[in-house]
Amino acid sequence: MPYDNTNSGALFKNTKMREGKDDPQYTGSINIEGKDFWLDAWVKESKDGKKYFSLRPRAKDTKPAPPARQRSPGDDDEEIPF
């Protein structure tokens, strides 16, 4: 019988964190009612000192944002007149 992973998921320690960035400490995936999501997690601490996970799900079918346009030498800094 095939494994049914509906409404379940897993997190793994992020071994590719970049120094100085707000990369998630844990990454993984989760399935909620048949829809797949990427799941990022950070270990946080509440005001009263209790540790908890802060989570951010992202739909797996979401396309990543296009990279920002890089300026090239010689680009004119003046505004474009309209």
N, C-alpha and C. Protein backbone atom coordinates (compact mmCIF):
# COMPACT_ATOMS: atom_id res chain seq x y z
N MET A 1 0.84 -1.17 0.00
CA MET A 1 0.00 0.00 0.00
C MET A 1 0.90 1.25 0.00
N PRO A 2 0.68 2.21 -0.91
CA PRO A 2 1.52 3.41 -0.96
C PRO A 2 1.29 4.29 0.28
N TYR A 3 2.34 5.01 0.63
CA TYR A 3 2.30 5.89 1.80
C TYR A 3 1.48 7.14 1.47
N ASP A 4 0.58 7.52 2.35
CA ASP A 4 -0.25 8.72 2.17
C ASP A 4 0.35 9.83 3.04
N ASN A 5 0.90 10.86 2.40
CA ASN A 5 1.52 11.96 3.15
C ASN A 5 0.61 13.17 3.28
N THR A 6 -0.69 13.00 3.03
CA THR A 6 -1.63 14.10 3.18
C THR A 6 -1.66 14.57 4.62
N ASN A 7 -1.64 15.88 4.81
CA ASN A 7 -1.67 16.52 6.13
C ASN A 7 -0.49 16.12 7.01
N SER A 8 0.68 16.02 6.40
CA SER A 8 1.90 15.74 7.16
C SER A 8 3.07 16.46 6.50
N GLY A 9 4.17 16.52 7.20
CA GLY A 9 5.34 17.19 6.66
C GLY A 9 6.58 16.88 7.48
N ALA A 10 7.69 17.52 7.12
CA ALA A 10 8.95 17.30 7.81
C ALA A 10 9.80 18.56 7.71
N LEU A 11 10.57 18.82 8.76
CA LEU A 11 11.54 19.92 8.79
C LEU A 11 12.93 19.35 9.02
N PHE A 12 13.92 19.97 8.41
CA PHE A 12 15.30 19.55 8.54
C PHE A 12 16.16 20.77 8.86
N LYS A 13 17.23 20.58 9.61
CA LYS A 13 18.16 21.65 9.94
C LYS A 13 18.74 22.20 8.64
N ASN A 14 18.73 23.53 8.49
CA ASN A 14 19.26 24.19 7.30
C ASN A 14 20.78 24.26 7.42
N THR A 15 21.48 23.51 6.59
CA THR A 15 22.95 23.48 6.63
C THR A 15 23.56 24.48 5.65
N LYS A 16 22.73 25.25 4.95
CA LYS A 16 23.22 26.20 3.94
C LYS A 16 22.90 27.64 4.31
N MET A 17 22.84 27.93 5.62
CA MET A 17 22.53 29.30 6.05
C MET A 17 23.68 30.23 5.67
N ARG A 18 23.33 31.45 5.23
CA ARG A 18 24.32 32.46 4.85
C ARG A 18 24.49 33.42 6.02
N GLU A 19 25.72 33.69 6.37
CA GLU A 19 26.00 34.58 7.50
C GLU A 19 25.45 35.98 7.23
N GLY A 20 24.81 36.55 8.23
CA GLY A 20 24.27 37.90 8.11
C GLY A 20 22.92 37.96 7.41
N LYS A 21 22.37 36.84 7.01
CA LYS A 21 21.08 36.81 6.33
C LYS A 21 20.04 36.24 7.28
N ASP A 22 18.77 36.48 6.98
CA ASP A 22 17.68 35.96 7.81
C ASP A 22 17.18 34.64 7.24
N ASP A 23 18.11 33.75 6.91
CA ASP A 23 17.74 32.44 6.38
C ASP A 23 17.05 31.62 7.46
N PRO A 24 16.12 30.76 7.06
CA PRO A 24 15.44 29.92 8.04
C PRO A 24 16.42 28.93 8.66
N GLN A 25 16.24 28.63 9.94
CA GLN A 25 17.09 27.66 10.62
C GLN A 25 16.71 26.23 10.26
N TYR A 26 15.45 26.04 9.86
CA TYR A 26 14.95 24.74 9.43
C TYR A 26 14.16 24.93 8.15
N THR A 27 14.21 23.95 7.26
CA THR A 27 13.45 23.98 6.02
C THR A 27 12.84 22.61 5.78
N GLY A 28 11.80 22.57 5.00
CA GLY A 28 11.17 21.30 4.68
C GLY A 28 9.94 21.52 3.85
N SER A 29 9.04 20.57 3.93
CA SER A 29 7.80 20.67 3.18
C SER A 29 6.67 20.08 4.00
N ILE A 30 5.45 20.48 3.61
CA ILE A 30 4.25 20.02 4.29
C ILE A 30 3.14 19.91 3.28
N ASN A 31 2.25 18.96 3.50
CA ASN A 31 1.07 18.81 2.67
C ASN A 31 -0.14 19.11 3.53
N ILE A 32 -0.97 20.05 3.08
CA ILE A 32 -2.18 20.42 3.80
C ILE A 32 -3.36 20.22 2.87
N GLU A 33 -4.20 19.27 3.22
CA GLU A 33 -5.40 18.95 2.44
C GLU A 33 -5.09 18.73 0.96
N GLY A 34 -3.98 18.03 0.68
CA GLY A 34 -3.62 17.68 -0.68
C GLY A 34 -2.80 18.71 -1.43
N LYS A 35 -2.51 19.86 -0.83
CA LYS A 35 -1.72 20.91 -1.48
C LYS A 35 -0.33 20.95 -0.84
N ASP A 36 0.71 20.96 -1.67
CA ASP A 36 2.09 20.93 -1.18
C ASP A 36 2.64 22.33 -0.96
N PHE A 37 3.36 22.51 0.15
CA PHE A 37 3.98 23.78 0.52
C PHE A 37 5.42 23.54 0.95
N TRP A 38 6.29 24.53 0.68
CA TRP A 38 7.60 24.58 1.31
C TRP A 38 7.36 25.17 2.70
N LEU A 39 8.16 24.78 3.67
CA LEU A 39 7.98 25.27 5.03
C LEU A 39 9.33 25.73 5.58
N ASP A 40 9.40 26.98 6.01
CA ASP A 40 10.60 27.54 6.64
C ASP A 40 10.30 27.77 8.11
N ALA A 41 11.31 27.59 8.97
CA ALA A 41 11.10 27.76 10.40
C ALA A 41 12.31 28.42 11.05
N TRP A 42 12.01 29.27 12.03
CA TRP A 42 13.03 29.94 12.83
C TRP A 42 12.73 29.65 14.30
N VAL A 43 13.77 29.45 15.10
CA VAL A 43 13.58 29.29 16.54
C VAL A 43 13.58 30.69 17.14
N LYS A 44 12.51 31.04 17.83
CA LYS A 44 12.36 32.36 18.45
C LYS A 44 12.17 32.18 19.95
N GLU A 45 12.23 33.28 20.67
CA GLU A 45 12.00 33.24 22.11
C GLU A 45 10.99 34.30 22.48
N SER A 46 9.97 33.90 23.24
CA SER A 46 8.93 34.83 23.66
C SER A 46 9.47 35.74 24.77
N LYS A 47 8.70 36.77 25.08
CA LYS A 47 9.11 37.72 26.13
C LYS A 47 9.32 37.04 27.48
N ASP A 48 8.58 35.95 27.71
CA ASP A 48 8.74 35.26 29.00
C ASP A 48 9.77 34.13 28.93
N GLY A 49 10.56 34.08 27.85
CA GLY A 49 11.68 33.15 27.74
C GLY A 49 11.36 31.78 27.17
N LYS A 50 10.14 31.56 26.70
CA LYS A 50 9.78 30.27 26.13
C LYS A 50 10.16 30.23 24.65
N LYS A 51 10.84 29.14 24.23
CA LYS A 51 11.22 28.99 22.84
C LYS A 51 10.05 28.43 22.04
N TYR A 52 9.96 28.89 20.77
CA TYR A 52 8.91 28.42 19.87
C TYR A 52 9.41 28.51 18.44
N PHE A 53 8.69 27.86 17.53
CA PHE A 53 8.99 27.94 16.10
C PHE A 53 8.12 29.01 15.46
N SER A 54 8.75 29.87 14.67
CA SER A 54 8.03 30.81 13.81
C SER A 54 8.06 30.18 12.42
N LEU A 55 6.89 30.01 11.80
CA LEU A 55 6.79 29.28 10.54
C LEU A 55 6.34 30.16 9.38
N ARG A 56 6.83 29.82 8.17
CA ARG A 56 6.39 30.51 6.95
C ARG A 56 6.18 29.46 5.86
N PRO A 57 4.93 29.18 5.50
CA PRO A 57 4.68 28.27 4.38
C PRO A 57 4.68 29.04 3.06
N ARG A 58 5.10 28.37 1.99
CA ARG A 58 5.07 28.94 0.64
C ARG A 58 4.59 27.85 -0.31
N ALA A 59 3.61 28.16 -1.13
CA ALA A 59 3.08 27.17 -2.07
C ALA A 59 4.20 26.70 -3.01
N LYS A 60 4.28 25.40 -3.23
CA LYS A 60 5.33 24.87 -4.11
C LYS A 60 5.12 25.27 -5.55
N ASP A 61 3.90 25.57 -5.96
CA ASP A 61 3.66 25.95 -7.35
C ASP A 61 3.84 27.44 -7.59
N THR A 62 4.24 28.19 -6.56
CA THR A 62 4.50 29.62 -6.71
C THR A 62 5.84 29.82 -7.39
N LYS A 63 5.84 30.66 -8.41
CA LYS A 63 7.09 30.95 -9.10
C LYS A 63 7.88 31.97 -8.29
N PRO A 64 9.23 31.83 -8.24
CA PRO A 64 10.01 32.81 -7.51
C PRO A 64 9.97 34.18 -8.18
N ALA A 65 10.15 35.22 -7.39
CA ALA A 65 10.16 36.58 -7.93
C ALA A 65 11.35 36.76 -8.86
N PRO A 66 11.19 37.52 -9.94
CA PRO A 66 12.32 37.74 -10.85
C PRO A 66 13.40 38.55 -10.14
N PRO A 67 14.67 38.30 -10.48
CA PRO A 67 15.74 39.04 -9.83
C PRO A 67 15.67 40.53 -10.16
N ALA A 68 16.12 41.34 -9.22
CA ALA A 68 16.14 42.79 -9.43
C ALA A 68 17.12 43.12 -10.56
N ARG A 69 16.79 44.14 -11.33
CA ARG A 69 17.66 44.56 -12.44
C ARG A 69 18.95 45.12 -11.88
N GLN A 70 20.06 44.62 -12.39
CA GLN A 70 21.37 45.11 -11.97
C GLN A 70 21.76 46.31 -12.83
N ARG A 71 22.28 47.34 -12.19
CA ARG A 71 22.73 48.52 -12.93
C ARG A 71 24.08 48.22 -13.56
N SER A 72 24.25 48.69 -14.79
CA SER A 72 25.49 48.51 -15.52
C SER A 72 26.27 49.81 -15.53
N PRO A 73 27.60 49.74 -15.65
CA PRO A 73 28.37 50.97 -15.78
C PRO A 73 27.86 51.75 -16.99
N GLY A 74 27.71 53.04 -16.82
CA GLY A 74 27.23 53.88 -17.91
C GLY A 74 25.73 54.11 -17.87
N ASP A 75 25.01 53.41 -16.97
CA ASP A 75 23.58 53.67 -16.84
C ASP A 75 23.41 55.12 -16.39
N ASP A 76 22.46 55.80 -17.01
CA ASP A 76 22.21 57.20 -16.68
C ASP A 76 21.42 57.28 -15.39
N ASP A 77 21.88 58.10 -14.44
CA ASP A 77 21.20 58.24 -13.16
C ASP A 77 20.05 59.23 -13.22
N GLU A 78 19.88 59.93 -14.33
CA GLU A 78 18.79 60.90 -14.43
C GLU A 78 17.46 60.18 -14.58
N GLU A 79 16.41 60.83 -14.09
CA GLU A 79 15.07 60.27 -14.19
C GLU A 79 14.62 60.31 -15.64
N ILE A 80 13.75 59.41 -16.00
CA ILE A 80 13.19 59.37 -17.34
C ILE A 80 12.06 60.39 -17.42
N PRO A 81 12.14 61.33 -18.35
CA PRO A 81 11.08 62.34 -18.46
C PRO A 81 9.84 61.75 -19.11
N PHE A 82 8.67 62.11 -18.59
CA PHE A 82 7.41 61.64 -19.16
C PHE A 82 6.57 62.80 -19.59
